[in-house]
Amino acid sequence: MKESDMGLLKPLLAVQFLEQYKRLLSEVAGRSLHGLADFGHARSTLYADGLNKTFPMGKSYDRLFIDAVRGAKYGTFIYAKKYKQGYALKASDNCWHCVKALTTPLEELVGDWVVIVTAVLPFHGYDLCDGLVVNRNVLIGRNMISSMIQELKLERRKWSSTQRIQRTTAAEAQ
């Protein structure tokens, strides 16, 4: 796997997710969607007032996809930077997430240490950024970055041990 692909979700899983997510957002909007603005507006509607927890998703949606949407965290995040395990995002509740991107690396969408709006969904054992990233054009200052780097050191240890457990479990299942 190329280093540039290390932060991306496996292509087959990305396709599975995107097909269902685009269809769901179109259903939420009640029409066909075209362009990022349309999808972004439909996503805002989906996560407004917890609609993602109650919106009826029929049998045409995969159970893991439904669980991902129901368990999503939408809002403001600080995108720190890319690591081997994935992208470091800090949610407004101060929880760090090691996320995978869908098809476009996050570093191609925004710079390091910026405030963004996005959704993070638990999907097939990964935390997944939904790809609709809105850059708030707010940079994080040096002192805050220094403090967050210390937090990240502890979090990254957890991410590494979690990945070892996932690899071991996958190998045992085969």
N, C-alpha and C. Protein backbone atom coordinates (compact mmCIF):
# COMPACT_ATOMS: atom_id res chain seq x y z
N MET A 1 0.84 -1.18 0.00
CA MET A 1 0.00 0.00 0.00
C MET A 1 0.89 1.24 0.00
N LYS A 2 0.61 2.18 -0.89
CA LYS A 2 1.37 3.42 -0.95
C LYS A 2 1.10 4.23 0.31
N GLU A 3 2.13 5.01 0.72
CA GLU A 3 1.95 5.83 1.91
C GLU A 3 0.79 6.80 1.76
N SER A 4 0.58 7.31 0.56
CA SER A 4 -0.52 8.26 0.34
C SER A 4 -1.88 7.61 0.55
N ASP A 5 -1.96 6.27 0.45
CA ASP A 5 -3.22 5.54 0.63
C ASP A 5 -3.47 5.08 2.07
N MET A 6 -2.48 5.24 2.95
CA MET A 6 -2.59 4.68 4.30
C MET A 6 -3.74 5.27 5.10
N GLY A 7 -4.15 6.49 4.80
CA GLY A 7 -5.24 7.10 5.54
C GLY A 7 -6.60 6.86 4.91
N LEU A 8 -6.62 6.09 3.81
CA LEU A 8 -7.88 5.85 3.10
C LEU A 8 -8.50 4.52 3.51
N LEU A 9 -9.82 4.50 3.48
CA LEU A 9 -10.57 3.28 3.69
C LEU A 9 -10.31 2.34 2.51
N LYS A 10 -10.40 1.05 2.72
CA LYS A 10 -10.23 0.10 1.63
C LYS A 10 -11.23 0.43 0.53
N PRO A 11 -10.79 0.40 -0.74
CA PRO A 11 -11.66 0.85 -1.84
C PRO A 11 -13.04 0.18 -1.89
N LEU A 12 -13.12 -1.12 -1.66
CA LEU A 12 -14.41 -1.80 -1.70
C LEU A 12 -15.35 -1.27 -0.62
N LEU A 13 -14.82 -1.06 0.59
CA LEU A 13 -15.65 -0.51 1.67
C LEU A 13 -16.05 0.93 1.37
N ALA A 14 -15.15 1.70 0.76
CA ALA A 14 -15.46 3.09 0.40
C ALA A 14 -16.62 3.13 -0.59
N VAL A 15 -16.60 2.25 -1.58
CA VAL A 15 -17.68 2.20 -2.58
C VAL A 15 -18.99 1.81 -1.91
N GLN A 16 -18.95 0.79 -1.05
CA GLN A 16 -20.16 0.36 -0.34
C GLN A 16 -20.75 1.51 0.47
N PHE A 17 -19.89 2.22 1.19
CA PHE A 17 -20.35 3.33 2.02
C PHE A 17 -20.93 4.45 1.15
N LEU A 18 -20.18 4.86 0.13
CA LEU A 18 -20.59 6.01 -0.69
C LEU A 18 -21.91 5.76 -1.42
N GLU A 19 -22.09 4.56 -1.95
CA GLU A 19 -23.35 4.27 -2.65
C GLU A 19 -24.54 4.46 -1.72
N GLN A 20 -24.42 3.96 -0.51
CA GLN A 20 -25.53 4.06 0.44
C GLN A 20 -25.68 5.47 0.99
N TYR A 21 -24.57 6.14 1.25
CA TYR A 21 -24.62 7.49 1.83
C TYR A 21 -25.22 8.48 0.84
N LYS A 22 -24.83 8.40 -0.42
CA LYS A 22 -25.40 9.29 -1.44
C LYS A 22 -26.90 9.05 -1.58
N ARG A 23 -27.30 7.78 -1.57
CA ARG A 23 -28.72 7.45 -1.68
C ARG A 23 -29.49 7.97 -0.47
N LEU A 24 -28.94 7.79 0.72
CA LEU A 24 -29.59 8.27 1.94
C LEU A 24 -29.72 9.79 1.92
N LEU A 25 -28.66 10.49 1.55
CA LEU A 25 -28.73 11.95 1.53
C LEU A 25 -29.75 12.44 0.50
N SER A 26 -29.87 11.74 -0.62
CA SER A 26 -30.89 12.09 -1.61
C SER A 26 -32.30 11.87 -1.04
N GLU A 27 -32.48 10.79 -0.29
CA GLU A 27 -33.79 10.54 0.34
C GLU A 27 -34.10 11.62 1.37
N VAL A 28 -33.11 12.02 2.14
CA VAL A 28 -33.31 13.07 3.15
C VAL A 28 -33.71 14.37 2.46
N ALA A 29 -33.07 14.69 1.34
CA ALA A 29 -33.36 15.92 0.60
C ALA A 29 -34.66 15.81 -0.20
N GLY A 30 -35.08 14.59 -0.50
CA GLY A 30 -36.29 14.39 -1.29
C GLY A 30 -36.10 14.66 -2.77
N ARG A 31 -34.85 14.60 -3.23
CA ARG A 31 -34.57 14.85 -4.65
C ARG A 31 -33.16 14.36 -4.98
N SER A 32 -32.85 14.35 -6.27
CA SER A 32 -31.49 14.03 -6.70
C SER A 32 -30.55 15.15 -6.30
N LEU A 33 -29.36 14.79 -5.89
CA LEU A 33 -28.38 15.78 -5.45
C LEU A 33 -27.25 15.89 -6.47
N HIS A 34 -26.75 17.11 -6.63
CA HIS A 34 -25.66 17.37 -7.57
C HIS A 34 -24.68 18.34 -6.91
N GLY A 35 -23.47 17.93 -6.76
CA GLY A 35 -22.44 18.82 -6.23
C GLY A 35 -22.33 18.80 -4.71
N LEU A 36 -21.19 19.28 -4.25
CA LEU A 36 -20.90 19.25 -2.82
C LEU A 36 -21.87 20.09 -1.99
N ALA A 37 -22.31 21.21 -2.52
CA ALA A 37 -23.24 22.06 -1.75
C ALA A 37 -24.54 21.32 -1.46
N ASP A 38 -25.08 20.62 -2.47
CA ASP A 38 -26.31 19.85 -2.27
C ASP A 38 -26.11 18.76 -1.21
N PHE A 39 -25.02 17.99 -1.36
CA PHE A 39 -24.76 16.91 -0.41
C PHE A 39 -24.50 17.46 0.99
N GLY A 40 -23.77 18.56 1.08
CA GLY A 40 -23.49 19.18 2.37
C GLY A 40 -24.76 19.64 3.07
N HIS A 41 -25.68 20.25 2.32
CA HIS A 41 -26.94 20.71 2.90
C HIS A 41 -27.78 19.51 3.38
N ALA A 42 -27.84 18.46 2.57
CA ALA A 42 -28.60 17.27 2.96
C ALA A 42 -27.98 16.63 4.19
N ARG A 43 -26.65 16.63 4.27
CA ARG A 43 -25.99 16.07 5.46
C ARG A 43 -26.35 16.88 6.70
N SER A 44 -26.33 18.19 6.59
CA SER A 44 -26.71 19.04 7.73
C SER A 44 -28.12 18.72 8.19
N THR A 45 -29.01 18.50 7.25
CA THR A 45 -30.40 18.15 7.57
C THR A 45 -30.46 16.79 8.27
N LEU A 46 -29.69 15.83 7.76
CA LEU A 46 -29.69 14.48 8.34
C LEU A 46 -29.29 14.50 9.80
N TYR A 47 -28.27 15.29 10.13
CA TYR A 47 -27.77 15.28 11.51
C TYR A 47 -28.42 16.34 12.40
N ALA A 48 -29.27 17.18 11.84
CA ALA A 48 -29.96 18.20 12.64
C ALA A 48 -30.95 17.52 13.58
N ASP A 49 -30.92 17.90 14.81
CA ASP A 49 -31.90 17.43 15.81
C ASP A 49 -31.99 15.91 15.89
N GLY A 50 -30.89 15.22 15.59
CA GLY A 50 -30.86 13.76 15.74
C GLY A 50 -31.67 12.99 14.72
N LEU A 51 -31.96 13.60 13.56
CA LEU A 51 -32.73 12.89 12.53
C LEU A 51 -32.04 11.59 12.11
N ASN A 52 -30.71 11.57 12.14
CA ASN A 52 -29.98 10.35 11.77
C ASN A 52 -30.33 9.17 12.67
N LYS A 53 -30.80 9.44 13.87
CA LYS A 53 -31.16 8.37 14.81
C LYS A 53 -32.53 7.78 14.51
N THR A 54 -33.38 8.54 13.80
CA THR A 54 -34.76 8.11 13.60
C THR A 54 -35.17 7.97 12.14
N PHE A 55 -34.38 8.49 11.23
CA PHE A 55 -34.77 8.46 9.81
C PHE A 55 -34.96 7.01 9.37
N PRO A 56 -36.09 6.71 8.73
CA PRO A 56 -36.35 5.32 8.33
C PRO A 56 -35.44 4.89 7.18
N MET A 57 -34.64 3.87 7.46
CA MET A 57 -33.78 3.29 6.42
C MET A 57 -34.24 1.86 6.22
N GLY A 58 -34.71 1.58 5.05
CA GLY A 58 -35.29 0.27 4.77
C GLY A 58 -34.26 -0.83 4.60
N LYS A 59 -34.76 -1.97 4.13
CA LYS A 59 -33.92 -3.16 3.98
C LYS A 59 -32.88 -3.02 2.88
N SER A 60 -32.97 -1.97 2.08
CA SER A 60 -31.98 -1.79 1.01
C SER A 60 -30.65 -1.27 1.56
N TYR A 61 -30.64 -0.91 2.85
CA TYR A 61 -29.41 -0.45 3.48
C TYR A 61 -28.79 -1.58 4.30
N ASP A 62 -27.48 -1.68 4.21
CA ASP A 62 -26.72 -2.67 4.97
C ASP A 62 -26.81 -2.34 6.47
N ARG A 63 -26.92 -3.35 7.30
CA ARG A 63 -27.04 -3.16 8.76
C ARG A 63 -25.86 -2.36 9.32
N LEU A 64 -24.64 -2.64 8.86
CA LEU A 64 -23.47 -1.92 9.36
C LEU A 64 -23.52 -0.45 8.95
N PHE A 65 -24.09 -0.17 7.77
CA PHE A 65 -24.23 1.21 7.34
C PHE A 65 -25.25 1.94 8.23
N ILE A 66 -26.37 1.30 8.49
CA ILE A 66 -27.39 1.90 9.35
C ILE A 66 -26.80 2.21 10.74
N ASP A 67 -26.07 1.24 11.29
CA ASP A 67 -25.44 1.45 12.60
C ASP A 67 -24.46 2.62 12.55
N ALA A 68 -23.74 2.75 11.44
CA ALA A 68 -22.78 3.85 11.29
C ALA A 68 -23.48 5.19 11.32
N VAL A 69 -24.57 5.31 10.57
CA VAL A 69 -25.30 6.58 10.51
C VAL A 69 -25.93 6.88 11.88
N ARG A 70 -26.49 5.88 12.51
CA ARG A 70 -27.10 6.08 13.83
C ARG A 70 -26.05 6.49 14.87
N GLY A 71 -24.82 5.99 14.73
CA GLY A 71 -23.76 6.28 15.70
C GLY A 71 -22.83 7.41 15.29
N ALA A 72 -23.19 8.16 14.28
CA ALA A 72 -22.32 9.22 13.76
C ALA A 72 -22.19 10.38 14.73
N LYS A 73 -21.06 11.05 14.63
CA LYS A 73 -20.81 12.28 15.37
C LYS A 73 -20.60 13.37 14.32
N TYR A 74 -21.47 14.36 14.31
CA TYR A 74 -21.42 15.44 13.32
C TYR A 74 -21.15 16.76 14.02
N GLY A 75 -20.29 17.56 13.43
CA GLY A 75 -20.06 18.89 13.99
C GLY A 75 -18.67 19.40 13.71
N THR A 76 -18.18 20.20 14.64
CA THR A 76 -16.89 20.86 14.51
C THR A 76 -15.79 19.96 15.07
N PHE A 77 -14.73 19.85 14.31
CA PHE A 77 -13.56 19.07 14.70
C PHE A 77 -12.31 19.89 14.43
N ILE A 78 -11.25 19.57 15.11
CA ILE A 78 -9.93 20.08 14.75
C ILE A 78 -9.22 18.97 14.00
N TYR A 79 -8.86 19.25 12.76
CA TYR A 79 -8.04 18.30 12.01
C TYR A 79 -6.59 18.60 12.38
N ALA A 80 -5.93 17.64 13.04
CA ALA A 80 -4.55 17.83 13.46
C ALA A 80 -3.60 17.53 12.31
N LYS A 81 -3.49 16.25 11.98
CA LYS A 81 -2.60 15.86 10.91
C LYS A 81 -2.75 14.38 10.62
N LYS A 82 -2.03 13.92 9.62
CA LYS A 82 -2.06 12.52 9.21
C LYS A 82 -0.98 11.73 9.95
N TYR A 83 -1.35 10.55 10.39
CA TYR A 83 -0.42 9.60 11.00
C TYR A 83 -0.53 8.28 10.23
N LYS A 84 0.34 7.34 10.54
CA LYS A 84 0.29 6.03 9.87
C LYS A 84 -1.06 5.36 10.05
N GLN A 85 -1.64 5.50 11.25
CA GLN A 85 -2.91 4.84 11.56
C GLN A 85 -4.10 5.51 10.89
N GLY A 86 -3.98 6.79 10.55
CA GLY A 86 -5.09 7.54 9.96
C GLY A 86 -4.95 9.01 10.28
N TYR A 87 -6.05 9.72 10.21
CA TYR A 87 -6.06 11.16 10.43
C TYR A 87 -6.56 11.46 11.84
N ALA A 88 -5.86 12.37 12.53
CA ALA A 88 -6.23 12.73 13.89
C ALA A 88 -7.23 13.89 13.86
N LEU A 89 -8.43 13.63 14.40
CA LEU A 89 -9.46 14.66 14.52
C LEU A 89 -9.87 14.76 15.99
N LYS A 90 -9.97 15.99 16.47
CA LYS A 90 -10.45 16.21 17.84
C LYS A 90 -11.83 16.81 17.77
N ALA A 91 -12.79 16.12 18.37
CA ALA A 91 -14.18 16.57 18.36
C ALA A 91 -14.39 17.68 19.38
N SER A 92 -15.51 18.35 19.27
CA SER A 92 -15.83 19.44 20.19
C SER A 92 -16.04 18.95 21.63
N ASP A 93 -16.24 17.62 21.81
CA ASP A 93 -16.34 17.06 23.16
C ASP A 93 -14.98 16.63 23.70
N ASN A 94 -13.90 17.06 23.02
CA ASN A 94 -12.50 16.79 23.39
C ASN A 94 -12.07 15.35 23.17
N CYS A 95 -12.87 14.57 22.48
CA CYS A 95 -12.52 13.19 22.16
C CYS A 95 -11.72 13.16 20.86
N TRP A 96 -10.62 12.43 20.86
CA TRP A 96 -9.80 12.27 19.65
C TRP A 96 -10.30 11.07 18.85
N HIS A 97 -10.28 11.22 17.53
CA HIS A 97 -10.65 10.13 16.63
C HIS A 97 -9.53 9.92 15.63
N CYS A 98 -9.21 8.67 15.40
CA CYS A 98 -8.28 8.29 14.33
C CYS A 98 -9.15 7.82 13.18
N VAL A 99 -9.30 8.66 12.16
CA VAL A 99 -10.27 8.38 11.10
C VAL A 99 -9.58 7.98 9.80
N LYS A 100 -10.34 7.28 9.00
CA LYS A 100 -9.97 6.99 7.61
C LYS A 100 -10.78 7.91 6.72
N ALA A 101 -10.19 8.30 5.60
CA ALA A 101 -10.90 9.08 4.60
C ALA A 101 -11.47 8.11 3.57
N LEU A 102 -12.42 8.56 2.79
CA LEU A 102 -13.07 7.69 1.80
C LEU A 102 -12.23 7.51 0.54
N THR A 103 -12.15 8.54 -0.27
CA THR A 103 -11.43 8.41 -1.55
C THR A 103 -10.39 9.49 -1.76
N THR A 104 -10.51 10.60 -1.04
CA THR A 104 -9.56 11.70 -1.18
C THR A 104 -8.86 11.91 0.16
N PRO A 105 -7.53 11.87 0.16
CA PRO A 105 -6.81 12.11 1.42
C PRO A 105 -7.17 13.48 2.00
N LEU A 106 -7.35 13.54 3.31
CA LEU A 106 -7.74 14.80 3.95
C LEU A 106 -6.72 15.91 3.72
N GLU A 107 -5.44 15.54 3.63
CA GLU A 107 -4.43 16.58 3.42
C GLU A 107 -4.56 17.26 2.06
N GLU A 108 -5.31 16.66 1.15
CA GLU A 108 -5.59 17.31 -0.13
C GLU A 108 -6.78 18.26 -0.03
N LEU A 109 -7.55 18.14 1.05
CA LEU A 109 -8.73 19.00 1.25
C LEU A 109 -8.45 20.18 2.16
N VAL A 110 -7.65 19.96 3.20
CA VAL A 110 -7.35 21.01 4.19
C VAL A 110 -5.92 20.85 4.68
N GLY A 111 -5.39 21.93 5.25
CA GLY A 111 -4.06 21.88 5.86
C GLY A 111 -4.13 21.32 7.27
N ASP A 112 -2.96 21.10 7.85
CA ASP A 112 -2.88 20.62 9.23
C ASP A 112 -3.33 21.70 10.21
N TRP A 113 -3.87 21.26 11.34
CA TRP A 113 -4.25 22.10 12.46
C TRP A 113 -5.24 23.19 12.08
N VAL A 114 -6.37 22.75 11.52
CA VAL A 114 -7.45 23.67 11.16
C VAL A 114 -8.77 23.17 11.73
N VAL A 115 -9.73 24.07 11.83
CA VAL A 115 -11.07 23.73 12.30
C VAL A 115 -11.93 23.39 11.09
N ILE A 116 -12.59 22.23 11.17
CA ILE A 116 -13.45 21.77 10.07
C ILE A 116 -14.80 21.34 10.62
N VAL A 117 -15.77 21.22 9.72
CA VAL A 117 -17.06 20.60 10.04
C VAL A 117 -17.16 19.36 9.19
N THR A 118 -17.47 18.23 9.81
CA THR A 118 -17.62 16.97 9.09
C THR A 118 -18.42 16.00 9.95
N ALA A 119 -18.57 14.79 9.46
CA ALA A 119 -19.21 13.72 10.23
C ALA A 119 -18.22 12.57 10.35
N VAL A 120 -18.17 11.97 11.53
CA VAL A 120 -17.33 10.80 11.78
C VAL A 120 -18.28 9.65 12.12
N LEU A 121 -18.14 8.57 11.36
CA LEU A 121 -19.05 7.43 11.52
C LEU A 121 -18.25 6.16 11.80
N PRO A 122 -18.74 5.31 12.71
CA PRO A 122 -18.09 4.02 12.94
C PRO A 122 -18.53 3.02 11.86
N PHE A 123 -17.59 2.59 11.02
CA PHE A 123 -17.96 1.75 9.87
C PHE A 123 -16.93 0.65 9.68
N HIS A 124 -17.36 -0.61 9.81
CA HIS A 124 -16.50 -1.78 9.62
C HIS A 124 -15.23 -1.72 10.45
N GLY A 125 -15.35 -1.31 11.72
CA GLY A 125 -14.19 -1.29 12.61
C GLY A 125 -13.31 -0.06 12.51
N TYR A 126 -13.70 0.89 11.69
CA TYR A 126 -12.94 2.13 11.55
C TYR A 126 -13.83 3.30 11.92
N ASP A 127 -13.21 4.39 12.34
CA ASP A 127 -13.90 5.67 12.38
C ASP A 127 -13.67 6.28 11.01
N LEU A 128 -14.72 6.72 10.38
CA LEU A 128 -14.67 7.17 9.00
C LEU A 128 -15.12 8.61 8.88
N CYS A 129 -14.33 9.43 8.19
CA CYS A 129 -14.75 10.79 7.85
C CYS A 129 -15.60 10.68 6.60
N ASP A 130 -16.78 11.31 6.60
CA ASP A 130 -17.72 11.12 5.49
C ASP A 130 -17.30 11.81 4.19
N GLY A 131 -16.22 12.58 4.21
CA GLY A 131 -15.70 13.17 2.98
C GLY A 131 -16.26 14.54 2.65
N LEU A 132 -17.32 14.95 3.32
CA LEU A 132 -17.89 16.28 3.11
C LEU A 132 -17.27 17.20 4.16
N VAL A 133 -16.09 17.71 3.85
CA VAL A 133 -15.31 18.49 4.80
C VAL A 133 -15.46 19.97 4.50
N VAL A 134 -15.92 20.72 5.50
CA VAL A 134 -16.05 22.16 5.37
C VAL A 134 -14.94 22.81 6.21
N ASN A 135 -14.04 23.51 5.54
CA ASN A 135 -12.95 24.20 6.21
C ASN A 135 -13.49 25.51 6.78
N ARG A 136 -13.37 25.70 8.09
CA ARG A 136 -13.85 26.93 8.74
C ARG A 136 -12.82 28.04 8.67
N ASN A 137 -11.69 27.78 8.02
CA ASN A 137 -10.62 28.77 7.84
C ASN A 137 -10.15 29.37 9.16
N VAL A 138 -10.06 28.52 10.18
CA VAL A 138 -9.54 28.92 11.48
C VAL A 138 -8.32 28.05 11.74
N LEU A 139 -7.18 28.70 11.89
CA LEU A 139 -5.94 27.98 12.20
C LEU A 139 -5.77 27.91 13.71
N ILE A 140 -5.16 26.83 14.18
CA ILE A 140 -4.90 26.64 15.60
C ILE A 140 -3.52 27.23 15.91
N GLY A 141 -3.43 27.96 17.01
CA GLY A 141 -2.18 28.62 17.41
C GLY A 141 -1.15 27.65 17.97
N ARG A 142 0.10 28.12 18.02
CA ARG A 142 1.24 27.29 18.47
C ARG A 142 1.04 26.71 19.86
N ASN A 143 0.59 27.53 20.81
CA ASN A 143 0.44 27.03 22.19
C ASN A 143 -0.62 25.94 22.27
N MET A 144 -1.72 26.12 21.56
CA MET A 144 -2.76 25.07 21.56
C MET A 144 -2.23 23.80 20.87
N ILE A 145 -1.49 23.98 19.79
CA ILE A 145 -0.93 22.82 19.09
C ILE A 145 -0.01 22.05 20.02
N SER A 146 0.86 22.75 20.74
CA SER A 146 1.78 22.08 21.67
C SER A 146 1.02 21.25 22.70
N SER A 147 -0.04 21.83 23.25
CA SER A 147 -0.85 21.12 24.23
C SER A 147 -1.51 19.89 23.60
N MET A 148 -2.06 20.06 22.41
CA MET A 148 -2.76 18.94 21.75
C MET A 148 -1.79 17.85 21.31
N ILE A 149 -0.56 18.20 20.98
CA ILE A 149 0.43 17.19 20.60
C ILE A 149 0.68 16.25 21.78
N GLN A 150 0.71 16.81 23.00
CA GLN A 150 0.89 15.98 24.18
C GLN A 150 -0.28 15.01 24.35
N GLU A 151 -1.50 15.51 24.14
CA GLU A 151 -2.68 14.65 24.20
C GLU A 151 -2.60 13.55 23.14
N LEU A 152 -2.17 13.94 21.96
CA LEU A 152 -2.11 12.99 20.84
C LEU A 152 -1.12 11.87 21.09
N LYS A 153 -0.03 12.15 21.79
CA LYS A 153 0.95 11.10 22.09
C LYS A 153 0.28 9.96 22.85
N LEU A 154 -0.55 10.30 23.82
CA LEU A 154 -1.27 9.27 24.59
C LEU A 154 -2.30 8.56 23.71
N GLU A 155 -3.04 9.32 22.93
CA GLU A 155 -4.08 8.74 22.07
C GLU A 155 -3.49 7.80 21.04
N ARG A 156 -2.38 8.18 20.44
CA ARG A 156 -1.78 7.35 19.39
C ARG A 156 -1.34 5.99 19.93
N ARG A 157 -0.95 5.92 21.18
CA ARG A 157 -0.61 4.62 21.78
C ARG A 157 -1.86 3.73 21.80
N LYS A 158 -3.00 4.32 22.15
CA LYS A 158 -4.26 3.57 22.17
C LYS A 158 -4.60 3.09 20.75
N TRP A 159 -4.42 3.98 19.76
CA TRP A 159 -4.73 3.62 18.38
C TRP A 159 -3.87 2.45 17.92
N SER A 160 -2.58 2.48 18.28
CA SER A 160 -1.68 1.40 17.86
C SER A 160 -2.08 0.08 18.48
N SER A 161 -2.42 0.08 19.77
CA SER A 161 -2.80 -1.17 20.42
C SER A 161 -4.14 -1.67 19.88
N THR A 162 -5.05 -0.78 19.56
CA THR A 162 -6.33 -1.17 18.97
C THR A 162 -6.12 -1.82 17.62
N GLN A 163 -5.22 -1.27 16.81
CA GLN A 163 -4.95 -1.85 15.49
C GLN A 163 -4.33 -3.23 15.63
N ARG A 164 -3.44 -3.42 16.62
CA ARG A 164 -2.84 -4.74 16.82
C ARG A 164 -3.93 -5.76 17.17
N ILE A 165 -4.88 -5.36 18.01
CA ILE A 165 -5.98 -6.25 18.39
C ILE A 165 -6.83 -6.58 17.16
N GLN A 166 -7.15 -5.58 16.33
CA GLN A 166 -7.96 -5.82 15.12
C GLN A 166 -7.24 -6.77 14.17
N ARG A 167 -5.92 -6.59 13.98
CA ARG A 167 -5.16 -7.47 13.08
C ARG A 167 -5.15 -8.90 13.61
N THR A 168 -4.95 -9.04 14.92
CA THR A 168 -4.92 -10.37 15.54
C THR A 168 -6.27 -11.06 15.39
N THR A 169 -7.35 -10.35 15.66
CA THR A 169 -8.69 -10.90 15.55
C THR A 169 -8.98 -11.30 14.10
N ALA A 170 -8.59 -10.48 13.15
CA ALA A 170 -8.82 -10.81 11.73
C ALA A 170 -8.02 -12.05 11.33
N ALA A 171 -6.78 -12.16 11.81
CA ALA A 171 -5.97 -13.33 11.47
C ALA A 171 -6.55 -14.60 12.08
N GLU A 172 -7.06 -14.51 13.31
CA GLU A 172 -7.66 -15.66 13.96
C GLU A 172 -8.94 -16.11 13.26
N ALA A 173 -9.65 -15.17 12.67
CA ALA A 173 -10.91 -15.49 11.99
C ALA A 173 -10.67 -16.25 10.69
N GLN A 174 -9.48 -16.13 10.12
CA GLN A 174 -9.19 -16.78 8.84
C GLN A 174 -8.76 -18.19 8.99
